[in-house]
Amino acid sequence: MNTKPEIQIVWLKRDLRLEDNEALVNALHSEKRVLLLYLFEDLLLNDPHYSKRHWDFIKQSLIHLNNQLEPYLSKVLIVKSDIIAAINQLLSKFQIKQVYSHQETGILATYNRDKSFKRFCKNNFITWHESINNGVIRGLKDREHWLEKSDNYFETKPLPFLPKKNQLLSIEEVSELEPLFATLSLHTNMTTPFQKGGRDMALKYLKSFFEERHQNYVFHISKPELARFSCSRLSPYLAWGNVSIREVYHYAQEKKHLSKHKKSVEAFISRLRWQSHFVQKFEMEHTMEEESINQGFQKLKKEVSEDFQKAWKTGQTGFPLIDACMRCLNETGYLNFRMRALVVSFFTHNLWQPWQDASKHLSQMFLDFEPGIHFPQLQMQAGETGTNMLRIYNPVKNSLEHDPDAVFIKKWVPELKHLEIPFCHEPYLMTELDQAFSNFKLGEHYPFPIVNLKETRKKASDTLWSMRKNSQVTKEGKRILKKHTKPLLKENASRKN
């Protein structure tokens, strides 16, 4: 007879919250005792998509999570281990028949990990319950009924966290388990310019956005400097699960009726829905992590230039807005959407580098790295879907339109801050006399442009438009539309009628 106590495991991943956490709620409904588990896994600690800024954000989130659990006299078991080794170790102390987690739409490494864990659970008579996360549904072959299911998810009220007394393993019980594992310090440097993790911070950003910052959302969304204040800045909290997208959706719907700036709130809500659309796209076609979703574009070969890529990564391309964006991203982990599109367009079109070579660097830099957004957006901006409008962003045009007074440029490219504003946008137009008057020398204080915008734009445009006429690209485009966007097109058509 097995005398070990029975517990349920809630395996936390990108859902670092107690509220509106379906996996946790389902475990609590079992009325058995529950252990919350978070793992720092070597497969992700060593993965090139992740960086220290992500792990610091996660550590801060876990600290806040444990603060929330204090009134319940519990805490999360936080250890350095892979999932199979961790469960095997816990099986030496407990009976474990049920494990709960959300369905993670992650990178290939987590997909393969989950397949291995599923086999492990089957072999050990453990039932692994995976819950829907943020309205993304596994196993769909097309979008025929996705919109209705997604609507149902968003309209359902967020789930409360209501554990019964002593249902969660106590702080003392969890502390006794910690010596069985390797552990990591949760200490982080709180003076960095990155947004800090945790639900408390998420709610502060949410509250301040709807109390004040959303007023100019639709007007500032494309501005590199103004967007830093007027956008919600909730993306890292959604990416790592400090809040659910449904919680934000319901909060926004409530505030919409009170706001004098309804267009801004409606635009924000619309983008929440698109977030789920893109993650669902990646869930249904995960190969786009490494390959073009449109197989016709897999024939496109680009010559890799390490010099070009280094100049782009370090903000030394000779195009001020590009350089300002890359330096800002490297230091703060954030860029607004349009500037993200701009730097990818410049990398893939003007520098003519494969989008795959931008992928890992950008994922490391984006504090809000979300695989389901990251890979579809990279391919869209690179022009390799065959379904989206080909957009080749002009960095000078965008600079003049969205940073006309060069505030953002001067902040992040300080070597240009004493120049007249026109030259801040295009320093390469300075004559020798202009440079002498400004005590500034191109090629010494700031690099010459590394490419010719007009020539490189034409090459990219001609090549990509020519490929779009290819029969395989066209066939693949139709397949992609049928699989991923048909219901959305139907919905848009019905709204117009």
Protein backbone atom coordinates (compact mmCIF):
# COMPACT_ATOMS: atom_id res chain seq x y z
CA MET A 1 0.00 0.00 0.00
CA ASN A 2 1.38 3.42 -1.01
CA THR A 3 1.54 5.57 2.12
CA LYS A 4 2.98 8.64 0.41
CA PRO A 5 0.69 11.69 0.50
CA GLU A 6 -0.93 12.61 -2.81
CA ILE A 7 -0.46 16.07 -4.30
CA GLN A 8 -1.32 17.80 -7.55
CA ILE A 9 1.37 19.72 -9.42
CA VAL A 10 0.76 23.05 -11.13
CA TRP A 11 3.67 23.60 -13.51
CA LEU A 12 4.01 27.33 -14.08
CA LYS A 13 5.60 28.43 -17.35
CA ARG A 14 4.56 31.61 -19.15
CA ASP A 15 1.62 32.08 -16.79
CA LEU A 16 3.21 33.69 -13.76
CA ARG A 17 -0.03 34.67 -12.05
CA LEU A 18 -2.62 33.33 -9.64
CA GLU A 19 -5.67 35.09 -11.09
CA ASP A 20 -7.28 33.86 -14.31
CA ASN A 21 -4.96 30.88 -14.41
CA GLU A 22 -7.08 28.00 -15.69
CA ALA A 23 -4.48 25.34 -14.92
CA LEU A 24 -4.29 26.48 -11.30
CA VAL A 25 -8.07 26.75 -10.98
CA ASN A 26 -8.53 23.22 -12.35
CA ALA A 27 -5.99 21.85 -9.88
CA LEU A 28 -7.75 23.57 -6.98
CA HIS A 29 -11.09 22.13 -8.09
CA SER A 30 -9.67 18.66 -7.45
CA GLU A 31 -9.80 19.56 -3.73
CA LYS A 32 -6.49 17.76 -3.26
CA ARG A 33 -3.36 19.46 -2.00
CA VAL A 34 -1.50 21.51 -4.60
CA LEU A 35 2.17 22.36 -5.17
CA LEU A 36 3.07 25.24 -7.44
CA LEU A 37 6.28 24.54 -9.35
CA TYR A 38 8.51 26.78 -11.48
CA LEU A 39 11.59 25.38 -13.22
CA PHE A 40 14.64 27.15 -14.52
CA GLU A 41 15.38 24.65 -17.27
CA ASP A 42 18.83 24.31 -18.85
CA LEU A 43 17.23 23.87 -22.26
CA LEU A 44 15.91 27.46 -21.99
CA LEU A 45 18.69 28.96 -19.89
CA ASN A 46 21.05 27.98 -22.72
CA ASP A 47 18.68 28.72 -25.60
CA PRO A 48 19.85 31.56 -27.89
CA HIS A 49 16.38 33.14 -27.96
CA TYR A 50 16.61 34.00 -24.26
CA SER A 51 18.83 36.44 -22.39
CA LYS A 52 19.50 37.71 -18.87
CA ARG A 53 16.85 40.42 -19.17
CA HIS A 54 14.20 37.70 -19.57
CA TRP A 55 15.39 35.69 -16.60
CA ASP A 56 15.56 38.79 -14.43
CA PHE A 57 11.99 39.67 -15.36
CA ILE A 58 10.91 36.12 -14.52
CA LYS A 59 12.74 36.20 -11.18
CA GLN A 60 11.06 39.49 -10.27
CA SER A 61 7.71 37.97 -11.26
CA LEU A 62 8.30 34.94 -9.05
CA ILE A 63 9.18 37.14 -6.08
CA HIS A 64 5.89 39.01 -6.52
CA LEU A 65 4.07 35.71 -6.90
CA ASN A 66 5.45 34.50 -3.59
CA ASN A 67 4.46 37.80 -1.99
CA GLN A 68 0.90 37.16 -3.16
CA LEU A 69 1.01 33.67 -1.68
CA GLU A 70 2.13 34.83 1.78
CA PRO A 71 -1.44 35.35 3.09
CA TYR A 72 -2.12 31.73 2.10
CA LEU A 73 1.03 30.62 3.99
CA SER A 74 2.43 29.11 0.80
CA LYS A 75 5.06 29.71 -1.87
CA VAL A 76 6.21 28.39 -5.24
CA LEU A 77 8.84 25.66 -5.37
CA ILE A 78 11.44 27.38 -7.57
CA VAL A 79 14.31 25.14 -8.68
CA LYS A 80 16.84 24.57 -11.46
CA SER A 81 15.80 21.34 -13.15
CA ASP A 82 14.13 19.89 -16.20
CA ILE A 83 10.53 18.80 -15.75
CA ILE A 84 11.08 15.03 -15.89
CA ALA A 85 13.89 15.10 -13.34
CA ALA A 86 11.82 17.36 -11.07
CA ILE A 87 8.75 15.12 -11.14
CA ASN A 88 10.92 12.03 -10.59
CA GLN A 89 12.41 13.66 -7.51
CA LEU A 90 9.00 14.66 -6.18
CA LEU A 91 7.72 11.13 -6.77
CA SER A 92 10.16 9.99 -4.08
CA LYS A 93 8.10 12.01 -1.58
CA PHE A 94 4.57 12.06 -2.98
CA GLN A 95 2.01 10.28 -5.06
CA ILE A 96 1.51 12.38 -8.18
CA LYS A 97 -1.37 11.43 -10.43
CA GLN A 98 -2.17 14.80 -11.96
CA VAL A 99 -0.03 17.61 -13.40
CA TYR A 100 -1.60 20.87 -14.58
CA SER A 101 -0.17 23.51 -16.87
CA HIS A 102 -1.21 25.74 -19.75
CA GLN A 103 -0.64 24.85 -23.39
CA GLU A 104 2.55 26.69 -24.25
CA THR A 105 2.88 28.04 -27.78
CA GLY A 106 6.62 28.27 -27.51
CA ILE A 107 9.80 27.64 -29.44
CA LEU A 108 10.80 24.27 -30.89
CA ALA A 109 12.79 23.45 -27.73
CA THR A 110 9.69 23.68 -25.51
CA TYR A 111 7.58 21.81 -28.06
CA ASN A 112 10.01 18.88 -28.03
CA ARG A 113 10.25 19.06 -24.22
CA ASP A 114 6.48 18.83 -23.94
CA LYS A 115 6.36 15.80 -26.23
CA SER A 116 8.94 14.05 -24.04
CA PHE A 117 7.03 14.96 -20.88
CA LYS A 118 3.81 13.65 -22.35
CA ARG A 119 5.47 10.26 -22.93
CA PHE A 120 6.90 10.35 -19.40
CA CYS A 121 3.46 11.01 -17.92
CA LYS A 122 1.93 8.14 -19.89
CA ASN A 123 4.65 5.75 -18.74
CA ASN A 124 4.19 6.82 -15.11
CA PHE A 125 0.37 6.80 -15.10
CA ILE A 126 0.22 10.57 -14.63
CA THR A 127 -2.50 12.60 -16.30
CA TRP A 128 -1.22 15.88 -17.69
CA HIS A 129 -3.96 18.48 -18.04
CA GLU A 130 -3.09 21.33 -20.41
CA SER A 131 -5.36 24.38 -20.36
CA ILE A 132 -6.05 26.92 -23.09
CA ASN A 133 -3.88 30.01 -22.72
CA ASN A 134 -5.07 33.44 -23.86
CA GLY A 135 -7.64 32.02 -26.26
CA VAL A 136 -5.16 30.02 -28.35
CA ILE A 137 -6.53 26.60 -29.29
CA ARG A 138 -4.40 23.55 -30.05
CA GLY A 139 -5.12 21.08 -32.82
CA LEU A 140 -6.96 23.33 -35.27
CA LYS A 141 -6.50 22.57 -38.97
CA ASP A 142 -8.06 25.86 -40.07
CA ARG A 143 -9.84 28.91 -38.64
CA GLU A 144 -13.36 27.79 -39.50
CA HIS A 145 -14.64 28.03 -35.92
CA TRP A 146 -11.72 29.75 -34.24
CA LEU A 147 -13.31 33.18 -34.09
CA GLU A 148 -16.37 31.91 -32.21
CA LYS A 149 -14.17 30.00 -29.75
CA SER A 150 -11.91 32.99 -29.31
CA ASP A 151 -14.90 35.27 -28.71
CA ASN A 152 -16.20 32.86 -26.09
CA TYR A 153 -12.85 32.90 -24.30
CA PHE A 154 -12.65 36.71 -24.25
CA GLU A 155 -16.22 37.20 -23.10
CA THR A 156 -15.98 34.71 -20.23
CA LYS A 157 -15.14 36.41 -16.94
CA PRO A 158 -11.59 35.96 -15.64
CA LEU A 159 -11.21 33.08 -13.18
CA PRO A 160 -10.69 33.95 -9.50
CA PHE A 161 -8.00 32.43 -7.28
CA LEU A 162 -9.87 30.76 -4.42
CA PRO A 163 -7.85 28.01 -2.73
CA LYS A 164 -9.32 26.24 0.27
CA LYS A 165 -7.61 26.58 3.61
CA ASN A 166 -4.35 24.60 3.73
CA GLN A 167 -4.91 23.32 0.19
CA LEU A 168 -1.62 24.78 -0.99
CA LEU A 169 1.54 23.21 0.36
CA SER A 170 2.81 25.38 3.19
CA ILE A 171 5.96 27.51 3.15
CA GLU A 172 7.58 25.02 5.54
CA GLU A 173 6.67 22.03 3.36
CA VAL A 174 8.01 23.71 0.23
CA SER A 175 11.19 24.76 2.07
CA GLU A 176 11.79 21.13 3.04
CA LEU A 177 11.68 20.17 -0.65
CA GLU A 178 14.17 22.80 -1.82
CA PRO A 179 17.33 20.92 -0.64
CA LEU A 180 16.38 18.08 -3.01
CA PHE A 181 17.14 20.36 -5.97
CA ALA A 182 19.61 22.87 -7.28
CA THR A 183 18.29 26.39 -6.73
CA LEU A 184 18.99 29.80 -8.21
CA SER A 185 19.21 33.17 -6.52
CA LEU A 186 16.25 35.38 -7.34
CA HIS A 187 18.27 38.54 -6.76
CA THR A 188 18.24 41.00 -9.68
CA ASN A 189 19.57 44.49 -10.30
CA MET A 190 16.54 46.75 -9.85
CA THR A 191 18.33 49.85 -11.19
CA THR A 192 18.37 48.77 -14.84
CA PRO A 193 16.21 50.66 -17.39
CA PHE A 194 14.14 47.55 -18.13
CA GLN A 195 10.52 47.28 -17.03
CA LYS A 196 10.34 45.24 -13.84
CA GLY A 197 8.45 41.97 -13.62
CA GLY A 198 5.52 41.04 -11.42
CA ARG A 199 1.76 41.36 -11.28
CA ASP A 200 1.89 44.51 -9.15
CA MET A 201 3.86 46.27 -11.88
CA ALA A 202 1.52 44.95 -14.55
CA LEU A 203 -1.50 46.38 -12.76
CA LYS A 204 0.27 49.73 -12.29
CA TYR A 205 0.90 49.98 -16.03
CA LEU A 206 -2.67 48.89 -16.77
CA LYS A 207 -4.14 51.45 -14.39
CA SER A 208 -1.94 54.35 -15.52
CA PHE A 209 -2.67 53.60 -19.18
CA PHE A 210 -6.41 53.94 -18.74
CA GLU A 211 -6.25 56.78 -16.23
CA GLU A 212 -4.02 58.99 -18.36
CA ARG A 213 -1.68 57.55 -20.96
CA HIS A 214 -4.24 56.15 -23.42
CA GLN A 215 -5.50 59.62 -24.39
CA ASN A 216 -3.04 59.95 -27.29
CA TYR A 217 -2.68 56.24 -28.04
CA VAL A 218 -3.94 56.44 -31.64
CA PHE A 219 -1.91 59.58 -32.35
CA HIS A 220 1.39 58.50 -30.80
CA ILE A 221 1.42 54.76 -31.53
CA SER A 222 3.91 55.16 -34.41
CA LYS A 223 6.13 57.74 -32.73
CA PRO A 224 9.36 56.22 -31.35
CA GLU A 225 9.59 58.58 -28.37
CA LEU A 226 5.97 59.47 -27.64
CA ALA A 227 4.82 55.85 -27.92
CA ARG A 228 6.95 54.99 -24.93
CA PHE A 229 4.43 56.89 -22.80
CA SER A 230 1.20 56.64 -24.79
CA CYS A 231 1.29 52.89 -25.50
CA SER A 232 0.16 50.53 -22.76
CA ARG A 233 3.61 48.94 -22.22
CA LEU A 234 1.79 45.79 -21.09
CA SER A 235 3.46 43.49 -23.63
CA PRO A 236 6.08 41.94 -21.29
CA TYR A 237 3.42 41.29 -18.66
CA LEU A 238 1.28 39.51 -21.24
CA ALA A 239 4.26 37.63 -22.70
CA TRP A 240 5.32 36.21 -19.32
CA GLY A 241 1.81 35.87 -17.95
CA ASN A 242 1.73 38.34 -15.06
CA VAL A 243 -1.74 39.17 -16.33
CA SER A 244 -3.90 37.33 -18.84
CA ILE A 245 -5.03 38.93 -22.05
CA ARG A 246 -8.62 38.28 -20.93
CA GLU A 247 -8.11 40.28 -17.74
CA VAL A 248 -6.81 43.22 -19.77
CA TYR A 249 -9.67 42.86 -22.26
CA HIS A 250 -12.35 43.00 -19.53
CA TYR A 251 -10.64 45.92 -17.83
CA ALA A 252 -10.50 47.81 -21.14
CA GLN A 253 -14.17 47.12 -21.87
CA GLU A 254 -15.13 48.54 -18.49
CA LYS A 255 -12.99 51.64 -18.95
CA LYS A 256 -14.20 52.27 -22.49
CA HIS A 257 -17.57 53.45 -21.18
CA LEU A 258 -15.88 55.95 -18.87
CA SER A 259 -13.25 57.27 -21.27
CA LYS A 260 -13.56 60.40 -23.38
CA HIS A 261 -11.10 58.82 -25.81
CA LYS A 262 -13.11 55.80 -26.99
CA LYS A 263 -11.27 55.53 -30.31
CA SER A 264 -8.02 54.97 -28.46
CA VAL A 265 -9.56 52.31 -26.23
CA GLU A 266 -11.19 50.58 -29.20
CA ALA A 267 -7.89 50.60 -31.09
CA PHE A 268 -6.18 49.06 -28.07
CA ILE A 269 -8.85 46.35 -27.74
CA SER A 270 -8.51 45.55 -31.42
CA ARG A 271 -4.78 44.97 -31.00
CA LEU A 272 -5.45 42.64 -28.07
CA ARG A 273 -7.50 40.47 -30.40
CA TRP A 274 -4.82 40.55 -33.07
CA GLN A 275 -2.32 39.33 -30.50
CA SER A 276 -4.31 36.12 -30.13
CA HIS A 277 -4.64 35.83 -33.91
CA PHE A 278 -0.87 35.85 -34.44
CA VAL A 279 -0.13 33.43 -31.60
CA GLN A 280 -2.80 31.11 -33.01
CA LYS A 281 -1.08 31.35 -36.39
CA PHE A 282 2.21 30.21 -34.88
CA GLU A 283 0.46 27.47 -32.89
CA MET A 284 -0.87 26.06 -36.16
CA GLU A 285 2.38 26.41 -38.12
CA HIS A 286 5.35 26.23 -35.76
CA THR A 287 7.89 25.58 -38.54
CA MET A 288 7.98 29.34 -39.15
CA GLU A 289 10.46 29.55 -36.28
CA GLU A 290 13.16 28.52 -38.75
CA GLU A 291 11.62 28.51 -42.22
CA SER A 292 9.47 30.83 -44.30
CA ILE A 293 5.81 29.97 -43.83
CA ASN A 294 5.47 30.30 -47.61
CA GLN A 295 7.61 27.45 -48.89
CA GLY A 296 8.13 29.26 -52.19
CA PHE A 297 10.31 31.80 -50.38
CA GLN A 298 12.55 29.09 -48.95
CA LYS A 299 14.35 29.24 -52.30
CA LEU A 300 15.40 32.82 -51.57
CA LYS A 301 19.09 32.90 -50.75
CA LYS A 302 20.86 35.93 -49.33
CA GLU A 303 24.57 36.42 -48.83
CA VAL A 304 25.36 36.89 -45.15
CA SER A 305 27.44 39.93 -44.22
CA GLU A 306 28.83 39.84 -40.69
CA ASP A 307 29.88 43.50 -41.02
CA PHE A 308 26.36 44.60 -41.96
CA GLN A 309 24.83 42.57 -39.14
CA LYS A 310 27.27 43.91 -36.56
CA ALA A 311 26.60 47.52 -37.63
CA TRP A 312 22.85 46.91 -37.38
CA LYS A 313 23.02 45.21 -33.96
CA THR A 314 25.20 47.94 -32.46
CA GLY A 315 23.45 50.95 -34.04
CA GLN A 316 26.27 51.97 -36.37
CA THR A 317 24.58 51.84 -39.80
CA GLY A 318 24.85 55.56 -40.61
CA PHE A 319 21.04 55.93 -40.63
CA PRO A 320 20.15 57.81 -37.43
CA LEU A 321 16.65 56.45 -36.80
CA ILE A 322 17.77 52.85 -37.34
CA ASP A 323 20.74 53.37 -35.02
CA ALA A 324 18.62 55.12 -32.39
CA CYS A 325 16.12 52.26 -32.45
CA MET A 326 18.74 49.55 -32.09
CA ARG A 327 20.59 51.33 -29.29
CA CYS A 328 17.33 52.04 -27.46
CA LEU A 329 16.24 48.41 -27.82
CA ASN A 330 19.58 47.10 -26.61
CA GLU A 331 19.44 49.27 -23.50
CA THR A 332 15.73 49.25 -22.60
CA GLY A 333 14.23 46.14 -24.20
CA TYR A 334 11.40 48.09 -25.84
CA LEU A 335 10.48 49.60 -29.19
CA ASN A 336 7.03 50.50 -30.44
CA PHE A 337 5.59 48.35 -33.20
CA ARG A 338 6.37 50.59 -36.16
CA MET A 339 10.00 50.95 -35.20
CA ARG A 340 10.27 47.16 -34.82
CA ALA A 341 8.92 46.81 -38.34
CA LEU A 342 11.38 49.47 -39.52
CA VAL A 343 14.52 47.80 -38.16
CA VAL A 344 13.47 44.39 -39.53
CA SER A 345 12.66 45.92 -42.92
CA PHE A 346 16.06 47.61 -43.02
CA PHE A 347 17.84 44.37 -42.05
CA THR A 348 16.04 42.13 -44.52
CA HIS A 349 15.56 44.56 -47.43
CA ASN A 350 18.25 47.23 -47.39
CA LEU A 351 20.96 45.06 -45.89
CA TRP A 352 19.51 42.02 -47.72
CA GLN A 353 20.14 39.68 -44.81
CA PRO A 354 18.05 36.58 -43.99
CA TRP A 355 15.38 37.22 -41.38
CA GLN A 356 16.57 34.15 -39.49
CA ASP A 357 19.80 36.03 -38.68
CA ALA A 358 17.80 38.82 -37.02
CA SER A 359 15.57 36.45 -35.11
CA LYS A 360 17.74 35.40 -32.19
CA HIS A 361 19.25 38.84 -31.58
CA LEU A 362 15.85 40.52 -31.52
CA SER A 363 14.32 37.81 -29.34
CA GLN A 364 17.14 38.34 -26.83
CA MET A 365 16.64 42.11 -26.89
CA PHE A 366 12.83 42.24 -26.78
CA LEU A 367 11.87 42.05 -23.11
CA ASP A 368 8.42 41.00 -24.31
CA PHE A 369 9.68 38.13 -26.47
CA GLU A 370 6.58 36.16 -27.40
CA PRO A 371 7.29 33.41 -29.97
CA GLY A 372 3.78 33.54 -31.40
CA ILE A 373 4.21 37.23 -32.21
CA HIS A 374 7.92 37.23 -32.96
CA PHE A 375 8.19 34.76 -35.83
CA PRO A 376 5.03 35.66 -37.80
CA GLN A 377 5.91 39.37 -37.57
CA LEU A 378 9.50 38.78 -38.68
CA GLN A 379 8.32 36.98 -41.78
CA MET A 380 5.64 39.53 -42.55
CA GLN A 381 8.08 42.44 -42.35
CA ALA A 382 10.62 40.48 -44.41
CA GLY A 383 8.01 40.12 -47.15
CA GLU A 384 8.16 36.32 -47.19
CA THR A 385 4.53 35.35 -46.57
CA GLY A 386 3.20 35.94 -50.08
CA THR A 387 -0.08 37.16 -48.57
CA ASN A 388 0.73 40.47 -46.90
CA MET A 389 1.46 43.76 -48.63
CA LEU A 390 5.18 44.13 -49.27
CA ARG A 391 6.37 47.02 -47.09
CA ILE A 392 9.89 48.39 -47.41
CA TYR A 393 10.15 51.14 -44.82
CA ASN A 394 12.24 54.21 -45.62
CA PRO A 395 14.20 55.12 -42.46
CA VAL A 396 14.60 58.76 -43.51
CA LYS A 397 10.91 59.22 -44.36
CA ASN A 398 9.92 57.59 -41.05
CA SER A 399 12.43 59.74 -39.20
CA LEU A 400 11.00 62.95 -40.63
CA GLU A 401 7.40 61.88 -40.06
CA HIS A 402 7.61 60.30 -36.63
CA ASP A 403 10.55 62.08 -34.99
CA PRO A 404 10.47 65.47 -36.77
CA ASP A 405 12.38 67.33 -34.06
CA ALA A 406 14.88 64.47 -33.74
CA VAL A 407 14.11 64.12 -30.02
CA PHE A 408 14.43 60.33 -30.12
CA ILE A 409 17.49 60.43 -32.36
CA LYS A 410 19.34 62.96 -30.18
CA LYS A 411 18.57 60.92 -27.09
CA TRP A 412 19.96 57.65 -28.44
CA VAL A 413 22.56 58.90 -30.91
CA PRO A 414 24.11 61.66 -28.80
CA GLU A 415 26.96 62.22 -31.26
CA LEU A 416 24.35 63.98 -33.43
CA LYS A 417 22.64 66.05 -30.73
CA HIS A 418 24.49 69.30 -31.52
CA LEU A 419 23.70 69.20 -35.23
CA GLU A 420 20.90 71.16 -36.85
CA ILE A 421 17.72 69.09 -37.00
CA PRO A 422 17.83 68.39 -40.78
CA PHE A 423 21.30 66.94 -40.38
CA CYS A 424 20.18 64.83 -37.42
CA HIS A 425 17.98 62.97 -39.90
CA GLU A 426 20.54 62.86 -42.72
CA PRO A 427 24.05 63.68 -41.47
CA TYR A 428 25.56 62.34 -44.71
CA LEU A 429 24.18 65.41 -46.52
CA MET A 430 26.58 67.65 -44.63
CA THR A 431 29.22 69.34 -46.75
CA GLU A 432 32.81 69.70 -45.57
CA LEU A 433 31.94 73.28 -44.58
CA ASP A 434 28.85 72.13 -42.63
CA GLN A 435 30.98 69.63 -40.78
CA ALA A 436 33.63 72.22 -39.98
CA PHE A 437 31.03 74.67 -38.60
CA SER A 438 29.57 71.89 -36.43
CA ASN A 439 32.92 70.53 -35.28
CA PHE A 440 31.74 67.19 -36.62
CA LYS A 441 33.36 64.74 -39.01
CA LEU A 442 31.52 62.00 -40.84
CA GLY A 443 33.32 58.71 -40.67
CA GLU A 444 34.92 59.70 -37.38
CA HIS A 445 32.16 60.92 -35.08
CA TYR A 446 29.41 59.00 -36.86
CA PRO A 447 29.62 56.42 -39.67
CA PHE A 448 28.84 56.97 -43.31
CA PRO A 449 25.72 55.05 -44.47
CA ILE A 450 26.64 51.42 -45.01
CA VAL A 451 24.26 51.01 -47.98
CA ASN A 452 22.53 53.09 -50.63
CA LEU A 453 18.85 53.25 -49.70
CA LYS A 454 17.50 53.77 -53.20
CA GLU A 455 19.55 51.00 -54.80
CA THR A 456 18.95 48.43 -52.06
CA ARG A 457 15.24 49.18 -51.93
CA LYS A 458 14.94 48.60 -55.68
CA LYS A 459 16.84 45.33 -55.50
CA ALA A 460 14.66 44.03 -52.68
CA SER A 461 11.44 45.21 -54.28
CA ASP A 462 12.24 43.78 -57.72
CA THR A 463 13.36 40.44 -56.28
CA LEU A 464 10.43 39.94 -53.93
CA TRP A 465 7.75 41.09 -56.37
CA SER A 466 9.22 38.80 -59.01
CA MET A 467 9.09 35.87 -56.58
CA ARG A 468 5.47 36.62 -55.72
CA LYS A 469 4.62 35.71 -59.32
CA ASN A 470 6.17 32.28 -58.87
CA SER A 471 3.59 29.47 -59.04
CA GLN A 472 4.73 27.87 -55.78
CA VAL A 473 4.63 31.20 -53.93
CA THR A 474 1.13 31.85 -55.30
CA LYS A 475 -0.07 28.36 -54.39
CA GLU A 476 1.37 28.66 -50.90
CA GLY A 477 -0.21 32.10 -50.50
CA LYS A 478 -3.64 30.61 -51.18
CA ARG A 479 -2.96 27.79 -48.71
CA ILE A 480 -1.92 30.27 -46.01
CA LEU A 481 -4.99 32.44 -46.53
CA LYS A 482 -7.30 29.44 -46.41
CA LYS A 483 -5.67 28.09 -43.26
CA HIS A 484 -5.13 31.25 -41.26
CA THR A 485 -7.24 34.19 -42.36
CA LYS A 486 -10.41 33.18 -44.17
CA PRO A 487 -12.79 33.61 -41.20
CA LEU A 488 -11.25 36.99 -40.39
CA LEU A 489 -11.82 38.12 -43.96
CA LYS A 490 -15.43 36.94 -43.72
CA GLU A 491 -15.87 38.88 -40.51
CA ASN A 492 -14.44 42.06 -42.02
CA ALA A 493 -16.68 41.69 -45.05
CA SER A 494 -19.77 41.27 -42.87
CA ARG A 495 -18.87 44.41 -40.89
CA LYS A 496 -18.73 46.44 -44.07
CA ASN A 497 -22.19 45.29 -45.18
